[in-house]
Each structure stands twice: as C-alpha cells, then as structure tokens.
C-alpha atoms as a PDB file:
ATOM      1  CA  MET A   1     193.259 123.555 273.663  1.00  0.00           C
ATOM      2  CA  THR A   2     192.706 124.437 270.011  1.00  0.00           C
ATOM      3  CA  GLU A   3     189.486 126.091 268.867  1.00  0.00           C
ATOM      4  CA  TYR A   4     188.426 122.781 267.280  1.00  0.00           C
ATOM      5  CA  GLU A   5     189.029 120.897 270.544  1.00  0.00           C
ATOM      6  CA  ALA A   6     186.990 123.576 272.309  1.00  0.00           C
ATOM      7  CA  MET A   7     184.138 123.130 269.780  1.00  0.00           C
ATOM      8  CA  LEU A   8     184.094 119.408 270.543  1.00  0.00           C
ATOM      9  CA  ALA A   9     184.327 119.914 274.302  1.00  0.00           C
ATOM     10  CA  GLN A  10     181.261 122.216 274.181  1.00  0.00           C
ATOM     11  CA  ALA A  11     179.216 119.981 271.791  1.00  0.00           C
ATOM     12  CA  ASP A  12     176.378 117.674 272.812  1.00  0.00           C
ATOM     13  CA  LEU A  13     176.804 113.937 272.111  1.00  0.00           C
ATOM     14  CA  LEU A  14     173.754 112.719 270.173  1.00  0.00           C
ATOM     15  CA  TYR A  15     174.724 109.153 269.207  1.00  0.00           C
ATOM     16  CA  ASP A  16     177.649 106.936 270.112  1.00  0.00           C
ATOM     17  CA  MET A  17     179.154 104.217 267.941  1.00  0.00           C
ATOM     18  CA  ASP A  18     176.877 101.484 269.374  1.00  0.00           C
ATOM     19  CA  GLU A  19     173.784 103.458 268.381  1.00  0.00           C
ATOM     20  CA  ILE A  20     175.220 104.217 264.936  1.00  0.00           C
ATOM     21  CA  ASN A  21     176.034 100.529 264.434  1.00  0.00           C
ATOM     22  CA  GLN A  22     172.439  99.549 265.336  1.00  0.00           C
ATOM     23  CA  ALA A  23     171.103 102.060 262.810  1.00  0.00           C
ATOM     24  CA  LEU A  24     173.463 100.771 260.107  1.00  0.00           C
ATOM     25  CA  ASP A  25     172.412  97.165 260.889  1.00  0.00           C
ATOM     26  CA  ASN A  26     168.762  98.161 260.435  1.00  0.00           C
ATOM     27  CA  ILE A  27     169.496  99.934 257.144  1.00  0.00           C
ATOM     28  CA  ALA A  28     171.585  97.008 255.875  1.00  0.00           C
ATOM     29  CA  GLU A  29     168.840  94.514 256.693  1.00  0.00           C
ATOM     30  CA  ALA A  30     166.295  96.492 254.647  1.00  0.00           C
ATOM     31  CA  LEU A  31     168.796  96.999 251.760  1.00  0.00           C
ATOM     32  CA  SER A  32     169.645  93.302 251.707  1.00  0.00           C
ATOM     33  CA  ARG A  33     165.956  92.430 251.454  1.00  0.00           C
ATOM     34  CA  ASP A  34     165.273  95.006 248.684  1.00  0.00           C
ATOM     35  CA  TYR A  35     168.479  94.635 246.566  1.00  0.00           C
ATOM     36  CA  GLN A  36     169.289  90.933 246.831  1.00  0.00           C
ATOM     37  CA  ASN A  37     168.402  90.374 243.144  1.00  0.00           C
ATOM     38  CA  ASP A  38     169.338  93.739 241.625  1.00  0.00           C
ATOM     39  CA  THR A  39     173.144  94.209 241.678  1.00  0.00           C
ATOM     40  CA  PRO A  40     172.866  97.960 242.318  1.00  0.00           C
ATOM     41  CA  VAL A  41     175.323 100.750 241.753  1.00  0.00           C
ATOM     42  CA  VAL A  42     175.989 102.169 245.180  1.00  0.00           C
ATOM     43  CA  LEU A  43     176.975 105.853 245.011  1.00  0.00           C
ATOM     44  CA  CYS A  44     178.747 107.288 248.038  1.00  0.00           C
ATOM     45  CA  VAL A  45     177.838 110.980 248.318  1.00  0.00           C
ATOM     46  CA  MET A  46     181.176 112.627 249.146  1.00  0.00           C
ATOM     47  CA  ASN A  47     182.572 113.750 251.484  1.00  0.00           C
ATOM     48  CA  GLY A  48     180.054 113.365 254.290  1.00  0.00           C
ATOM     49  CA  ALA A  49     178.873 109.830 253.539  1.00  0.00           C
ATOM     50  CA  VAL A  50     182.350 108.273 253.337  1.00  0.00           C
ATOM     51  CA  MET A  51     182.113 106.900 256.905  1.00  0.00           C
ATOM     52  CA  THR A  52     178.520 105.737 256.489  1.00  0.00           C
ATOM     53  CA  THR A  53     179.394 103.977 253.200  1.00  0.00           C
ATOM     54  CA  GLY A  54     182.515 102.414 254.645  1.00  0.00           C
ATOM     55  CA  HIS A  55     180.655 100.988 257.604  1.00  0.00           C
ATOM     56  CA  LEU A  56     177.595  99.968 255.579  1.00  0.00           C
ATOM     57  CA  LEU A  57     179.324  98.060 252.717  1.00  0.00           C
ATOM     58  CA  PRO A  58     180.550  95.097 254.803  1.00  0.00           C
ATOM     59  CA  ARG A  59     176.975  94.579 256.031  1.00  0.00           C
ATOM     60  CA  LEU A  60     175.599  94.249 252.426  1.00  0.00           C
ATOM     61  CA  LEU A  61     175.837  90.581 251.430  1.00  0.00           C
ATOM     62  CA  PHE A  62     174.721  90.896 247.785  1.00  0.00           C
ATOM     63  CA  PRO A  63     176.633  91.815 244.637  1.00  0.00           C
ATOM     64  CA  LEU A  64     177.004  95.508 243.953  1.00  0.00           C
ATOM     65  CA  GLU A  65     179.212  98.045 242.242  1.00  0.00           C
ATOM     66  CA  LEU A  66     180.609 101.031 244.112  1.00  0.00           C
ATOM     67  CA  ASP A  67     181.279 104.552 242.822  1.00  0.00           C
ATOM     68  CA  TYR A  68     180.923 108.030 244.215  1.00  0.00           C
ATOM     69  CA  ILE A  69     179.326 111.334 243.377  1.00  0.00           C
ATOM     70  CA  HIS A  70     180.342 114.698 244.755  1.00  0.00           C
ATOM     71  CA  ALA A  71     178.049 117.667 244.816  1.00  0.00           C
ATOM     72  CA  SER A  72     177.843 120.000 247.805  1.00  0.00           C
ATOM     73  CA  ARG A  73     175.929 122.992 249.038  1.00  0.00           C
ATOM     74  CA  TYR A  74     178.117 123.405 252.131  1.00  0.00           C
ATOM     75  CA  GLY A  75     181.830 123.159 251.331  1.00  0.00           C
ATOM     76  CA  ASP A  76     183.409 124.061 254.655  1.00  0.00           C
ATOM     77  CA  LYS A  77     180.524 126.349 255.673  1.00  0.00           C
ATOM     78  CA  THR A  78     177.765 125.609 258.150  1.00  0.00           C
ATOM     79  CA  VAL A  79     174.885 126.858 255.977  1.00  0.00           C
ATOM     80  CA  GLY A  80     173.992 125.593 252.510  1.00  0.00           C
ATOM     81  CA  GLY A  81     174.488 127.688 249.411  1.00  0.00           C
ATOM     82  CA  GLU A  82     174.391 126.989 245.716  1.00  0.00           C
ATOM     83  CA  LEU A  83     174.969 123.416 244.573  1.00  0.00           C
ATOM     84  CA  VAL A  84     178.516 122.872 243.274  1.00  0.00           C
ATOM     85  CA  TRP A  85     179.257 119.720 241.213  1.00  0.00           C
ATOM     86  CA  GLN A  86     182.745 118.338 241.814  1.00  0.00           C
ATOM     87  CA  SER A  87     182.648 114.776 240.500  1.00  0.00           C
ATOM     88  CA  GLU A  88     180.272 112.557 238.546  1.00  0.00           C
ATOM     89  CA  PRO A  89     180.210 108.745 238.758  1.00  0.00           C
ATOM     90  CA  GLN A  90     182.376 106.784 236.344  1.00  0.00           C
ATOM     91  CA  ILE A  91     180.004 103.816 236.169  1.00  0.00           C
ATOM     92  CA  ASP A  92     177.282 104.052 233.492  1.00  0.00           C
ATOM     93  CA  LEU A  93     173.953 104.360 235.345  1.00  0.00           C
ATOM     94  CA  LYS A  94     171.760 103.567 232.304  1.00  0.00           C
ATOM     95  CA  ASN A  95     169.202 100.873 233.188  1.00  0.00           C
ATOM     96  CA  ARG A  96     170.831 100.305 236.619  1.00  0.00           C
ATOM     97  CA  HIS A  97     169.350 100.364 240.081  1.00  0.00           C
ATOM     98  CA  VAL A  98     171.111 103.145 241.941  1.00  0.00           C
ATOM     99  CA  LEU A  99     171.434 103.473 245.709  1.00  0.00           C
ATOM    100  CA  LEU A 100     172.668 106.849 246.889  1.00  0.00           C
ATOM    101  CA  VAL A 101     174.316 106.670 250.345  1.00  0.00           C
ATOM    102  CA  GLU A 102     174.009 110.034 252.132  1.00  0.00           C
ATOM    103  CA  ASP A 103     175.084 111.245 255.560  1.00  0.00           C
ATOM    104  CA  ILE A 104     172.171 113.506 256.404  1.00  0.00           C
ATOM    105  CA  PHE A 105     168.766 114.461 255.008  1.00  0.00           C
ATOM    106  CA  ASP A 106     168.717 118.150 255.875  1.00  0.00           C
ATOM    107  CA  GLU A 107     166.665 120.365 253.523  1.00  0.00           C
ATOM    108  CA  GLY A 108     166.492 117.827 250.665  1.00  0.00           C
ATOM    109  CA  LEU A 109     167.939 120.130 248.014  1.00  0.00           C
ATOM    110  CA  THR A 110     171.142 118.175 247.406  1.00  0.00           C
ATOM    111  CA  LEU A 111     169.394 114.845 247.452  1.00  0.00           C
ATOM    112  CA  ALA A 112     166.729 116.063 244.980  1.00  0.00           C
ATOM    113  CA  ALA A 113     169.506 117.213 242.586  1.00  0.00           C
ATOM    114  CA  LEU A 114     171.356 113.876 242.967  1.00  0.00           C
ATOM    115  CA  ARG A 115     168.189 111.892 242.245  1.00  0.00           C
ATOM    116  CA  GLU A 116     167.511 114.018 239.186  1.00  0.00           C
ATOM    117  CA  TYR A 117     171.054 113.520 237.969  1.00  0.00           C
ATOM    118  CA  CYS A 118     170.687 109.699 238.239  1.00  0.00           C
ATOM    119  CA  HIS A 119     167.304 109.741 236.469  1.00  0.00           C
ATOM    120  CA  GLN A 120     168.735 111.906 233.676  1.00  0.00           C
ATOM    121  CA  ALA A 121     171.598 109.361 233.368  1.00  0.00           C
ATOM    122  CA  GLY A 122     168.971 106.684 232.679  1.00  0.00           C
ATOM    123  CA  ALA A 123     168.859 104.869 236.011  1.00  0.00           C
ATOM    124  CA  ALA A 124     166.140 102.185 236.223  1.00  0.00           C
ATOM    125  CA  SER A 125     165.511 103.218 239.827  1.00  0.00           C
ATOM    126  CA  VAL A 126     167.018 105.582 242.376  1.00  0.00           C
ATOM    127  CA  ARG A 127     166.719 105.167 246.133  1.00  0.00           C
ATOM    128  CA  CYS A 128     168.613 106.675 249.039  1.00  0.00           C
ATOM    129  CA  ALA A 129     170.006 105.314 252.296  1.00  0.00           C
ATOM    130  CA  CYS A 130     170.685 108.081 254.744  1.00  0.00           C
ATOM    131  CA  LEU A 131     172.182 107.727 258.192  1.00  0.00           C
ATOM    132  CA  LEU A 132     170.560 110.856 259.646  1.00  0.00           C
ATOM    133  CA  ASP A 133     167.229 112.667 259.229  1.00  0.00           C
ATOM    134  CA  LYS A 134     167.310 116.210 260.515  1.00  0.00           C
ATOM    135  CA  ASN A 135     164.103 117.100 262.333  1.00  0.00           C
ATOM    136  CA  ARG A 136     163.079 120.231 260.463  1.00  0.00           C
ATOM    137  CA  GLU A 137     159.754 121.314 259.034  1.00  0.00           C
ATOM    138  CA  HIS A 138     160.407 122.452 255.450  1.00  0.00           C
ATOM    139  CA  LYS A 139     162.077 119.904 253.190  1.00  0.00           C
ATOM    140  CA  MET A 140     162.091 119.396 249.459  1.00  0.00           C
ATOM    141  CA  GLY A 141     161.663 116.223 247.409  1.00  0.00           C
ATOM    142  CA  PRO A 142     160.976 112.681 248.567  1.00  0.00           C
ATOM    143  CA  LEU A 143     162.265 111.319 251.860  1.00  0.00           C
ATOM    144  CA  PRO A 144     165.124 108.856 251.678  1.00  0.00           C
ATOM    145  CA  GLU A 145     163.780 105.313 251.464  1.00  0.00           C
ATOM    146  CA  TYR A 146     166.120 104.083 254.202  1.00  0.00           C
ATOM    147  CA  LEU A 147     166.675 106.265 257.290  1.00  0.00           C
ATOM    148  CA  GLY A 148     168.774 105.537 260.363  1.00  0.00           C
ATOM    149  CA  LEU A 149     168.589 108.090 263.139  1.00  0.00           C
ATOM    150  CA  THR A 150     166.842 111.418 263.760  1.00  0.00           C
ATOM    151  CA  VAL A 151     168.782 114.520 264.870  1.00  0.00           C
ATOM    152  CA  PRO A 152     167.472 117.868 266.061  1.00  0.00           C
ATOM    153  CA  ASP A 153     167.512 120.927 263.805  1.00  0.00           C
ATOM    154  CA  ARG A 154     171.025 121.889 264.891  1.00  0.00           C
ATOM    155  CA  TYR A 155     174.412 121.748 263.223  1.00  0.00           C
ATOM    156  CA  VAL A 156     175.716 118.176 263.597  1.00  0.00           C
ATOM    157  CA  PHE A 157     179.186 116.736 263.028  1.00  0.00           C
ATOM    158  CA  GLY A 158     181.215 113.566 263.390  1.00  0.00           C
ATOM    159  CA  PHE A 159     181.039 110.201 261.637  1.00  0.00           C
ATOM    160  CA  GLY A 160     181.849 111.757 258.241  1.00  0.00           C
ATOM    161  CA  MET A 161     180.269 115.177 258.742  1.00  0.00           C
ATOM    162  CA  ASP A 162     182.534 118.102 259.464  1.00  0.00           C
ATOM    163  CA  MET A 163     182.594 121.140 261.655  1.00  0.00           C
ATOM    164  CA  ALA A 164     184.527 123.872 259.816  1.00  0.00           C
ATOM    165  CA  GLY A 165     186.416 121.179 257.896  1.00  0.00           C
ATOM    166  CA  TYR A 166     187.329 119.152 261.030  1.00  0.00           C
ATOM    167  CA  TRP A 167     186.014 116.214 263.081  1.00  0.00           C
ATOM    168  CA  ARG A 168     184.769 113.974 260.226  1.00  0.00           C
ATOM    169  CA  ASN A 169     186.823 111.214 261.879  1.00  0.00           C
ATOM    170  CA  LEU A 170     184.852 111.083 265.136  1.00  0.00           C
ATOM    171  CA  PRO A 171     183.243 107.687 265.959  1.00  0.00           C
ATOM    172  CA  ALA A 172     180.102 109.485 267.201  1.00  0.00           C
ATOM    173  CA  ILE A 173     177.637 112.187 266.175  1.00  0.00           C
ATOM    174  CA  TYR A 174     177.597 115.528 268.000  1.00  0.00           C
ATOM    175  CA  ALA A 175     175.527 118.713 267.817  1.00  0.00           C
ATOM    176  CA  VAL A 176     176.917 122.170 268.274  1.00  0.00           C
ATOM    177  CA  ARG A 177     175.590 123.511 271.528  1.00  0.00           C
ATOM    178  CA  GLU A 178     172.999 126.205 271.057  1.00  0.00           C
ATOM    179  CA  SER A 179     173.906 129.526 272.655  1.00  0.00           C
END
C-alpha cells in the first residue's frame, strides 16, 4: 500500500456521489432561476473546482460562456499561504455577469481576491457557487451566494480537491482523520 492509499484508507468519508449530486442539483436549480436571462461568464476556479464545474455545467440549461481563472493559496500544501496568480480569464468580463465556481469556501481570502479581480475587470455582477462550506469561525468577505454542503474544519479532499497533490479524482469527499 502506498502512502497515498494509506491516507485514503484512514480518511473519513463525508459525502458520497449521491449526496454530491443532490447538492449540485440544488445549486443548479437556483442558478437556473437567477441566470436564465443573463448569459453569464462562468469561471471555473482551477484546479479544485474542475470536478464541480464539470458536473454542474450539464445541469445549467441557459446560455453561458465558460472560462477559467487560476489563483491559489495552497499549491500542493495543506495550509494556505500567499495568493499566487497563475492564469487570468481570456473572456472580457466588462459589463458581464460573472459566476465563479469554487470547490470550497474555507477562509474566504482566495474568493475575496477573485471577486475583486472580476470587479476590477468591470464585471456587472459577481456571484459564487461553491460546493463546500467549511465550518470555521473566522472568514473574510461575503459568503458564496450558492452553497452545497457543509464540511467540518478539517482538511478535506476528493471530488477535485487534492491531498498532497493526489486524490482529486475521487467520486466522494473525505476528511483526513484527526490524530
């Protein structure tokens, strides 16, 4: 057994694919109601939200444009550091309704910076759909407008989120077991 397989074997399952699908259905229903007349620019926040975005898009039955944005405080680490910009969207955001799709609302620092970037680029509005809300006390900036599931204040991985660079591909969400 590799160290990564051992990490998974010792982790606690928080949500399986059925529960994730239900949360995505709920988010999609709200987005469809709110964006049916807006033709938004949907920005996938890389890398963590790639699975969320991929599963959410087929549920959105309104015209939209898709791009991505990549800024991270984590890299392959388990604690956040300084924000590092890696890629800006190619679509002009001026006078557009922007929907950021995020994997997890943790401390709020990255999301606050992404919102500010979109506003500086001239977006008409900026909202966020986030699969997970981490249950922690001190957060910055506004909450995402669309939230799926709540997770404890532990390191979580799976469904797009990594553990030491691995396990983004899992069809479930796990938490590292506390020692």
